[in-house]
Amino acid sequence: ARGSGDTGKVGFTWGWEVTDRFGNTLAPQYTSMSPLKAA
């Protein structure tokens, strides 16, 4: 999930905290989401 340099590899995932999950470099690319509706 921390990719290579400033190039992300993972689009959608779950984790604890954005820098913890993606590292300091890629963290700004990601945003947390609301729960999804099934339909």
All heavy atoms as atom14 arrays in JSON, in Angstrom:
{
  "sequence": "ARGSGDTGKVGFTWGWEVTDRFGNTLAPQYTSMSPLKAA",
  "atom14_mask": [
    [1, 1, 1, 1, 1, 0, 0, 0, 0, 0, 0, 0, 0, 0],
    [1, 1, 1, 1, 1, 1, 1, 1, 1, 1, 1, 0, 0, 0],
    [1, 1, 1, 1, 0, 0, 0, 0, 0, 0, 0, 0, 0, 0],
    [1, 1, 1, 1, 1, 1, 0, 0, 0, 0, 0, 0, 0, 0],
    [1, 1, 1, 1, 0, 0, 0, 0, 0, 0, 0, 0, 0, 0],
    [1, 1, 1, 1, 1, 1, 1, 1, 0, 0, 0, 0, 0, 0],
    [1, 1, 1, 1, 1, 1, 1, 0, 0, 0, 0, 0, 0, 0],
    [1, 1, 1, 1, 0, 0, 0, 0, 0, 0, 0, 0, 0, 0],
    [1, 1, 1, 1, 1, 1, 1, 1, 1, 0, 0, 0, 0, 0],
    [1, 1, 1, 1, 1, 1, 1, 0, 0, 0, 0, 0, 0, 0],
    [1, 1, 1, 1, 0, 0, 0, 0, 0, 0, 0, 0, 0, 0],
    [1, 1, 1, 1, 1, 1, 1, 1, 1, 1, 1, 0, 0, 0],
    [1, 1, 1, 1, 1, 1, 1, 0, 0, 0, 0, 0, 0, 0],
    [1, 1, 1, 1, 1, 1, 1, 1, 1, 1, 1, 1, 1, 1],
    [1, 1, 1, 1, 0, 0, 0, 0, 0, 0, 0, 0, 0, 0],
    [1, 1, 1, 1, 1, 1, 1, 1, 1, 1, 1, 1, 1, 1],
    [1, 1, 1, 1, 1, 1, 1, 1, 1, 0, 0, 0, 0, 0],
    [1, 1, 1, 1, 1, 1, 1, 0, 0, 0, 0, 0, 0, 0],
    [1, 1, 1, 1, 1, 1, 1, 0, 0, 0, 0, 0, 0, 0],
    [1, 1, 1, 1, 1, 1, 1, 1, 0, 0, 0, 0, 0, 0],
    [1, 1, 1, 1, 1, 1, 1, 1, 1, 1, 1, 0, 0, 0],
    [1, 1, 1, 1, 1, 1, 1, 1, 1, 1, 1, 0, 0, 0],
    [1, 1, 1, 1, 0, 0, 0, 0, 0, 0, 0, 0, 0, 0],
    [1, 1, 1, 1, 1, 1, 1, 1, 0, 0, 0, 0, 0, 0],
    [1, 1, 1, 1, 1, 1, 1, 0, 0, 0, 0, 0, 0, 0],
    [1, 1, 1, 1, 1, 1, 1, 1, 0, 0, 0, 0, 0, 0],
    [1, 1, 1, 1, 1, 0, 0, 0, 0, 0, 0, 0, 0, 0],
    [1, 1, 1, 1, 1, 1, 1, 0, 0, 0, 0, 0, 0, 0],
    [1, 1, 1, 1, 1, 1, 1, 1, 1, 0, 0, 0, 0, 0],
    [1, 1, 1, 1, 1, 1, 1, 1, 1, 1, 1, 1, 0, 0],
    [1, 1, 1, 1, 1, 1, 1, 0, 0, 0, 0, 0, 0, 0],
    [1, 1, 1, 1, 1, 1, 0, 0, 0, 0, 0, 0, 0, 0],
    [1, 1, 1, 1, 1, 1, 1, 1, 0, 0, 0, 0, 0, 0],
    [1, 1, 1, 1, 1, 1, 0, 0, 0, 0, 0, 0, 0, 0],
    [1, 1, 1, 1, 1, 1, 1, 0, 0, 0, 0, 0, 0, 0],
    [1, 1, 1, 1, 1, 1, 1, 1, 0, 0, 0, 0, 0, 0],
    [1, 1, 1, 1, 1, 1, 1, 1, 1, 0, 0, 0, 0, 0],
    [1, 1, 1, 1, 1, 0, 0, 0, 0, 0, 0, 0, 0, 0],
    [1, 1, 1, 1, 1, 0, 0, 0, 0, 0, 0, 0, 0, 0]
  ],
  "atom14_positions": [
    [[0.82, -1.21, 0.0], [0.0, 0.0, 0.0], [0.85, 1.26, 0.0], [0.34, 2.34, -0.34], [-0.92, 0.0, 1.22], [0.0, 0.0, 0.0], [0.0, 0.0, 0.0], [0.0, 0.0, 0.0], [0.0, 0.0, 0.0], [0.0, 0.0, 0.0], [0.0, 0.0, 0.0], [0.0, 0.0, 0.0], [0.0, 0.0, 0.0], [0.0, 0.0, 0.0]],
    [[2.1, 1.15, 0.37], [2.98, 2.32, 0.4], [3.61, 2.62, -0.95], [4.34, 3.61, -1.09], [4.03, 2.14, 1.5], [3.35, 2.05, 2.87], [4.3, 2.01, 4.03], [3.54, 2.05, 5.28], [3.96, 2.63, 6.39], [5.14, 3.21, 6.43], [3.22, 2.62, 7.47], [0.0, 0.0, 0.0], [0.0, 0.0, 0.0], [0.0, 0.0, 0.0]],
    [[3.32, 1.76, -1.92], [3.69, 2.05, -3.29], [5.17, 2.24, -3.52], [6.02, 1.72, -2.81], [0.0, 0.0, 0.0], [0.0, 0.0, 0.0], [0.0, 0.0, 0.0], [0.0, 0.0, 0.0], [0.0, 0.0, 0.0], [0.0, 0.0, 0.0], [0.0, 0.0, 0.0], [0.0, 0.0, 0.0], [0.0, 0.0, 0.0], [0.0, 0.0, 0.0]],
    [[5.46, 3.03, -4.55], [6.85, 3.33, -4.91], [6.98, 4.83, -5.14], [6.37, 5.39, -6.08], [7.23, 2.57, -6.19], [8.54, 2.92, -6.61], [0.0, 0.0, 0.0], [0.0, 0.0, 0.0], [0.0, 0.0, 0.0], [0.0, 0.0, 0.0], [0.0, 0.0, 0.0], [0.0, 0.0, 0.0], [0.0, 0.0, 0.0], [0.0, 0.0, 0.0]],
    [[7.72, 5.49, -4.28], [7.84, 6.94, -4.39], [6.49, 7.58, -4.17], [5.82, 7.35, -3.18], [0.0, 0.0, 0.0], [0.0, 0.0, 0.0], [0.0, 0.0, 0.0], [0.0, 0.0, 0.0], [0.0, 0.0, 0.0], [0.0, 0.0, 0.0], [0.0, 0.0, 0.0], [0.0, 0.0, 0.0], [0.0, 0.0, 0.0], [0.0, 0.0, 0.0]],
    [[6.06, 8.4, -5.17], [4.76, 9.05, -5.06], [3.71, 8.37, -5.95], [2.69, 8.95, -6.27], [4.87, 10.53, -5.42], [5.38, 10.77, -6.84], [5.67, 9.77, -7.54], [5.5, 11.94, -7.24], [0.0, 0.0, 0.0], [0.0, 0.0, 0.0], [0.0, 0.0, 0.0], [0.0, 0.0, 0.0], [0.0, 0.0, 0.0], [0.0, 0.0, 0.0]],
    [[3.99, 7.13, -6.33], [3.07, 6.36, -7.16], [2.34, 5.33, -6.31], [2.95, 4.39, -5.79], [3.8, 5.64, -8.31], [4.48, 6.59, -9.11], [2.81, 4.86, -9.17], [0.0, 0.0, 0.0], [0.0, 0.0, 0.0], [0.0, 0.0, 0.0], [0.0, 0.0, 0.0], [0.0, 0.0, 0.0], [0.0, 0.0, 0.0], [0.0, 0.0, 0.0]],
    [[1.05, 5.51, -6.15], [0.26, 4.58, -5.36], [0.01, 3.29, -6.11], [-0.02, 3.26, -7.33], [0.0, 0.0, 0.0], [0.0, 0.0, 0.0], [0.0, 0.0, 0.0], [0.0, 0.0, 0.0], [0.0, 0.0, 0.0], [0.0, 0.0, 0.0], [0.0, 0.0, 0.0], [0.0, 0.0, 0.0], [0.0, 0.0, 0.0], [0.0, 0.0, 0.0]],
    [[-0.19, 2.2, -5.35], [-0.45, 0.9, -5.95], [-1.84, 0.36, -5.61], [-2.38, -0.48, -6.34], [0.6, -0.12, -5.48], [2.02, 0.18, -5.95], [2.15, 0.08, -7.45], [3.59, 0.29, -7.9], [3.72, 0.26, -9.38], [0.0, 0.0, 0.0], [0.0, 0.0, 0.0], [0.0, 0.0, 0.0], [0.0, 0.0, 0.0], [0.0, 0.0, 0.0]],
    [[-2.41, 0.81, -4.5], [-3.68, 0.28, -4.01], [-4.76, 1.35, -4.09], [-4.55, 2.48, -3.64], [-3.55, -0.25, -2.57], [-4.91, -0.69, -2.03], [-2.56, -1.41, -2.51], [0.0, 0.0, 0.0], [0.0, 0.0, 0.0], [0.0, 0.0, 0.0], [0.0, 0.0, 0.0], [0.0, 0.0, 0.0], [0.0, 0.0, 0.0], [0.0, 0.0, 0.0]],
    [[-5.92, 0.98, -4.64], [-6.99, 1.96, -4.8], [-7.94, 2.05, -3.63], [-8.3, 3.15, -3.2], [0.0, 0.0, 0.0], [0.0, 0.0, 0.0], [0.0, 0.0, 0.0], [0.0, 0.0, 0.0], [0.0, 0.0, 0.0], [0.0, 0.0, 0.0], [0.0, 0.0, 0.0], [0.0, 0.0, 0.0], [0.0, 0.0, 0.0], [0.0, 0.0, 0.0]],
    [[-8.37, 0.9, -3.11], [-9.38, 0.84, -2.06], [-8.95, -0.2, -1.04], [-8.56, -1.32, -1.4], [-10.73, 0.47, -2.67], [-11.82, 0.16, -1.67], [-12.54, 1.2, -1.07], [-12.14, -1.14, -1.34], [-13.55, 0.92, -0.15], [-13.14, -1.43, -0.43], [-13.85, -0.4, 0.17], [0.0, 0.0, 0.0], [0.0, 0.0, 0.0], [0.0, 0.0, 0.0]],
    [[-9.02, 0.16, 0.24], [-8.55, -0.76, 1.27], [-9.06, -0.3, 2.64], [-9.79, 0.69, 2.74], [-7.01, -0.85, 1.26], [-6.57, -1.86, 2.17], [-6.38, 0.49, 1.65], [0.0, 0.0, 0.0], [0.0, 0.0, 0.0], [0.0, 0.0, 0.0], [0.0, 0.0, 0.0], [0.0, 0.0, 0.0], [0.0, 0.0, 0.0], [0.0, 0.0, 0.0]],
    [[-8.67, -1.04, 3.66], [-9.03, -0.7, 5.03], [-7.77, -0.62, 5.86], [-6.77, -1.3, 5.6], [-9.97, -1.76, 5.62], [-11.29, -1.83, 4.92], [-12.38, -1.05, 5.15], [-11.68, -2.73, 3.88], [-13.42, -1.4, 4.33], [-13.02, -2.44, 3.53], [-11.02, -3.76, 3.19], [-13.71, -3.13, 2.54], [-11.71, -4.45, 2.21], [-13.03, -4.13, 1.89]],
    [[-7.78, 0.23, 6.89], [-6.61, 0.38, 7.74], [-6.91, 1.2, 8.97], [-8.05, 1.62, 9.22], [0.0, 0.0, 0.0], [0.0, 0.0, 0.0], [0.0, 0.0, 0.0], [0.0, 0.0, 0.0], [0.0, 0.0, 0.0], [0.0, 0.0, 0.0], [0.0, 0.0, 0.0], [0.0, 0.0, 0.0], [0.0, 0.0, 0.0], [0.0, 0.0, 0.0]],
    [[-5.85, 1.44, 9.76], [-5.98, 2.16, 11.02], [-5.99, 3.67, 10.81], [-6.91, 4.37, 11.2], [-4.84, 1.75, 11.95], [-4.63, 2.67, 13.12], [-3.56, 3.5, 13.32], [-5.5, 2.87, 14.25], [-3.71, 4.21, 14.5], [-4.9, 3.83, 15.09], [-6.72, 2.33, 14.61], [-5.48, 4.27, 16.27], [-7.31, 2.75, 15.8], [-6.69, 3.72, 16.61]],
    [[-4.95, 4.19, 10.17], [-4.77, 5.63, 10.0], [-4.02, 5.85, 8.71], [-3.24, 5.0, 8.28], [-4.02, 6.2, 11.21], [-3.91, 7.71, 11.28], [-2.64, 8.23, 10.6], [-1.69, 7.44, 10.46], [-2.62, 9.41, 10.23], [0.0, 0.0, 0.0], [0.0, 0.0, 0.0], [0.0, 0.0, 0.0], [0.0, 0.0, 0.0], [0.0, 0.0, 0.0]],
    [[-4.23, 6.98, 8.06], [-3.78, 7.14, 6.68], [-2.26, 7.09, 6.53], [-1.75, 6.46, 5.6], [-4.38, 8.43, 6.07], [-3.83, 9.67, 6.74], [-4.2, 8.47, 4.56], [0.0, 0.0, 0.0], [0.0, 0.0, 0.0], [0.0, 0.0, 0.0], [0.0, 0.0, 0.0], [0.0, 0.0, 0.0], [0.0, 0.0, 0.0], [0.0, 0.0, 0.0]],
    [[-1.5, 7.73, 7.44], [-0.04, 7.64, 7.31], [0.45, 6.26, 7.71], [1.43, 5.75, 7.16], [0.66, 8.7, 8.18], [0.33, 8.51, 9.56], [0.27, 10.1, 7.75], [0.0, 0.0, 0.0], [0.0, 0.0, 0.0], [0.0, 0.0, 0.0], [0.0, 0.0, 0.0], [0.0, 0.0, 0.0], [0.0, 0.0, 0.0], [0.0, 0.0, 0.0]],
    [[-0.23, 5.64, 8.66], [0.11, 4.29, 9.08], [-0.1, 3.31, 7.94], [0.7, 2.38, 7.75], [-0.76, 3.92, 10.28], [-0.51, 2.52, 10.8], [-1.16, 1.58, 10.31], [0.32, 2.38, 11.69], [0.0, 0.0, 0.0], [0.0, 0.0, 0.0], [0.0, 0.0, 0.0], [0.0, 0.0, 0.0], [0.0, 0.0, 0.0], [0.0, 0.0, 0.0]],
    [[-1.15, 3.51, 7.18], [-1.49, 2.57, 6.11], [-0.67, 2.81, 4.84], [-0.23, 1.87, 4.18], [-2.99, 2.7, 5.77], [-3.47, 1.7, 4.7], [-3.55, 0.3, 5.27], [-4.01, -0.65, 4.26], [-3.19, -1.39, 3.51], [-1.89, -1.3, 3.66], [-3.68, -2.24, 2.62], [0.0, 0.0, 0.0], [0.0, 0.0, 0.0], [0.0, 0.0, 0.0]],
    [[-0.45, 4.09, 4.49], [0.15, 4.39, 3.19], [1.52, 5.06, 3.28], [2.15, 5.28, 2.25], [-0.8, 5.27, 2.38], [-2.18, 4.7, 2.24], [-3.24, 5.21, 2.96], [-2.41, 3.64, 1.38], [-4.52, 4.68, 2.85], [-3.69, 3.09, 1.25], [-4.74, 3.61, 1.99], [0.0, 0.0, 0.0], [0.0, 0.0, 0.0], [0.0, 0.0, 0.0]],
    [[1.96, 5.39, 4.49], [3.23, 6.1, 4.63], [3.07, 7.59, 4.42], [2.05, 8.06, 3.89], [0.0, 0.0, 0.0], [0.0, 0.0, 0.0], [0.0, 0.0, 0.0], [0.0, 0.0, 0.0], [0.0, 0.0, 0.0], [0.0, 0.0, 0.0], [0.0, 0.0, 0.0], [0.0, 0.0, 0.0], [0.0, 0.0, 0.0], [0.0, 0.0, 0.0]],
    [[4.06, 8.34, 4.82], [3.97, 9.8, 4.77], [3.84, 10.35, 3.35], [3.14, 11.34, 3.11], [5.2, 10.41, 5.43], [5.25, 10.16, 6.93], [4.21, 9.93, 7.55], [6.43, 10.21, 7.51], [0.0, 0.0, 0.0], [0.0, 0.0, 0.0], [0.0, 0.0, 0.0], [0.0, 0.0, 0.0], [0.0, 0.0, 0.0], [0.0, 0.0, 0.0]],
    [[4.5, 9.72, 2.38], [4.52, 10.25, 1.02], [3.16, 10.11, 0.33], [2.66, 11.05, -0.3], [5.6, 9.55, 0.18], [6.88, 9.75, 0.79], [5.63, 10.11, -1.23], [0.0, 0.0, 0.0], [0.0, 0.0, 0.0], [0.0, 0.0, 0.0], [0.0, 0.0, 0.0], [0.0, 0.0, 0.0], [0.0, 0.0, 0.0], [0.0, 0.0, 0.0]],
    [[2.55, 8.95, 0.44], [1.31, 8.68, -0.29], [0.05, 9.07, 0.49], [-1.02, 9.18, -0.11], [1.22, 7.19, -0.66], [2.19, 6.7, -1.73], [1.97, 5.22, -2.01], [2.03, 7.5, -3.02], [0.0, 0.0, 0.0], [0.0, 0.0, 0.0], [0.0, 0.0, 0.0], [0.0, 0.0, 0.0], [0.0, 0.0, 0.0], [0.0, 0.0, 0.0]],
    [[0.19, 9.26, 1.79], [-1.0, 9.53, 2.61], [-1.9, 10.64, 2.05], [-3.13, 10.5, 2.07], [-0.59, 9.84, 4.04], [0.0, 0.0, 0.0], [0.0, 0.0, 0.0], [0.0, 0.0, 0.0], [0.0, 0.0, 0.0], [0.0, 0.0, 0.0], [0.0, 0.0, 0.0], [0.0, 0.0, 0.0], [0.0, 0.0, 0.0], [0.0, 0.0, 0.0]],
    [[-1.35, 11.75, 1.54], [-2.23, 12.82, 1.04], [-3.12, 12.42, -0.13], [-4.11, 13.11, -0.43], [-1.24, 13.92, 0.63], [-0.02, 13.67, 1.46], [0.06, 12.18, 1.56], [0.0, 0.0, 0.0], [0.0, 0.0, 0.0], [0.0, 0.0, 0.0], [0.0, 0.0, 0.0], [0.0, 0.0, 0.0], [0.0, 0.0, 0.0], [0.0, 0.0, 0.0]],
    [[-2.79, 11.31, -0.8], [-3.61, 10.88, -1.93], [-4.92, 10.23, -1.48], [-5.86, 10.12, -2.28], [-2.84, 9.87, -2.8], [-1.63, 10.45, -3.5], [-1.0, 9.45, -4.46], [-1.61, 8.43, -4.82], [0.22, 9.72, -4.88], [0.0, 0.0, 0.0], [0.0, 0.0, 0.0], [0.0, 0.0, 0.0], [0.0, 0.0, 0.0], [0.0, 0.0, 0.0]],
    [[-4.99, 9.79, -0.24], [-6.12, 8.97, 0.21], [-7.07, 9.74, 1.11], [-6.68, 10.67, 1.81], [-5.6, 7.73, 0.95], [-4.91, 6.75, 0.04], [-3.57, 6.91, -0.3], [-5.61, 5.68, -0.52], [-2.93, 6.02, -1.15], [-4.98, 4.79, -1.37], [-3.64, 4.96, -1.68], [-3.02, 4.08, -2.53], [0.0, 0.0, 0.0], [0.0, 0.0, 0.0]],
    [[-8.32, 9.31, 1.07], [-9.34, 9.89, 1.94], [-10.14, 8.77, 2.57], [-10.3, 7.68, 1.98], [-10.26, 10.83, 1.15], [-11.13, 11.5, 2.04], [-11.09, 10.07, 0.13], [0.0, 0.0, 0.0], [0.0, 0.0, 0.0], [0.0, 0.0, 0.0], [0.0, 0.0, 0.0], [0.0, 0.0, 0.0], [0.0, 0.0, 0.0], [0.0, 0.0, 0.0]],
    [[-10.65, 9.01, 3.78], [-11.49, 8.01, 4.43], [-12.92, 8.15, 3.93], [-13.37, 9.23, 3.53], [-11.43, 8.17, 5.95], [-11.77, 9.49, 6.34], [0.0, 0.0, 0.0], [0.0, 0.0, 0.0], [0.0, 0.0, 0.0], [0.0, 0.0, 0.0], [0.0, 0.0, 0.0], [0.0, 0.0, 0.0], [0.0, 0.0, 0.0], [0.0, 0.0, 0.0]],
    [[-13.65, 7.05, 3.96], [-14.98, 6.97, 3.35], [-16.06, 6.65, 4.38], [-15.8, 6.04, 5.41], [-15.0, 5.86, 2.29], [-14.05, 6.03, 1.14], [-14.02, 4.53, 0.11], [-15.75, 4.39, -0.39], [0.0, 0.0, 0.0], [0.0, 0.0, 0.0], [0.0, 0.0, 0.0], [0.0, 0.0, 0.0], [0.0, 0.0, 0.0], [0.0, 0.0, 0.0]],
    [[-17.27, 7.01, 4.04], [-18.43, 6.58, 4.82], [-18.73, 5.12, 4.5], [-18.31, 4.6, 3.47], [-19.65, 7.42, 4.45], [-19.43, 8.79, 4.72], [0.0, 0.0, 0.0], [0.0, 0.0, 0.0], [0.0, 0.0, 0.0], [0.0, 0.0, 0.0], [0.0, 0.0, 0.0], [0.0, 0.0, 0.0], [0.0, 0.0, 0.0], [0.0, 0.0, 0.0]],
    [[-19.48, 4.43, 5.38], [-19.9, 3.07, 5.06], [-20.71, 3.06, 3.78], [-21.46, 4.0, 3.49], [-20.75, 2.66, 6.27], [-20.31, 3.56, 7.37], [-19.94, 4.85, 6.72], [0.0, 0.0, 0.0], [0.0, 0.0, 0.0], [0.0, 0.0, 0.0], [0.0, 0.0, 0.0], [0.0, 0.0, 0.0], [0.0, 0.0, 0.0], [0.0, 0.0, 0.0]],
    [[-20.59, 2.01, 3.01], [-21.33, 1.87, 1.76], [-22.7, 1.27, 2.0], [-22.88, 0.43, 2.9], [-20.56, 0.97, 0.79], [-19.17, 1.45, 0.35], [-18.4, 0.3, -0.26], [-19.29, 2.61, -0.62], [0.0, 0.0, 0.0], [0.0, 0.0, 0.0], [0.0, 0.0, 0.0], [0.0, 0.0, 0.0], [0.0, 0.0, 0.0], [0.0, 0.0, 0.0]],
    [[-23.68, 1.66, 1.21], [-24.96, 0.97, 1.19], [-24.81, -0.27, 0.33], [-24.02, -0.29, -0.64], [-26.05, 1.88, 0.63], [-26.35, 3.1, 1.49], [-27.4, 4.0, 0.83], [-28.74, 3.3, 0.74], [-29.8, 4.22, 0.22], [0.0, 0.0, 0.0], [0.0, 0.0, 0.0], [0.0, 0.0, 0.0], [0.0, 0.0, 0.0], [0.0, 0.0, 0.0]],
    [[-25.53, -1.34, 0.66], [-25.44, -2.54, -0.15], [-26.01, -2.31, -1.55], [-25.52, -2.85, -2.54], [-26.17, -3.69, 0.53], [0.0, 0.0, 0.0], [0.0, 0.0, 0.0], [0.0, 0.0, 0.0], [0.0, 0.0, 0.0], [0.0, 0.0, 0.0], [0.0, 0.0, 0.0], [0.0, 0.0, 0.0], [0.0, 0.0, 0.0], [0.0, 0.0, 0.0]],
    [[-27.06, -1.48, -1.63], [-27.69, -1.16, -2.91], [-28.31, 0.22, -2.82], [-28.62, 0.7, -1.72], [-28.74, -2.2, -3.28], [0.0, 0.0, 0.0], [0.0, 0.0, 0.0], [0.0, 0.0, 0.0], [0.0, 0.0, 0.0], [0.0, 0.0, 0.0], [0.0, 0.0, 0.0], [0.0, 0.0, 0.0], [0.0, 0.0, 0.0], [0.0, 0.0, 0.0]]
  ]
}
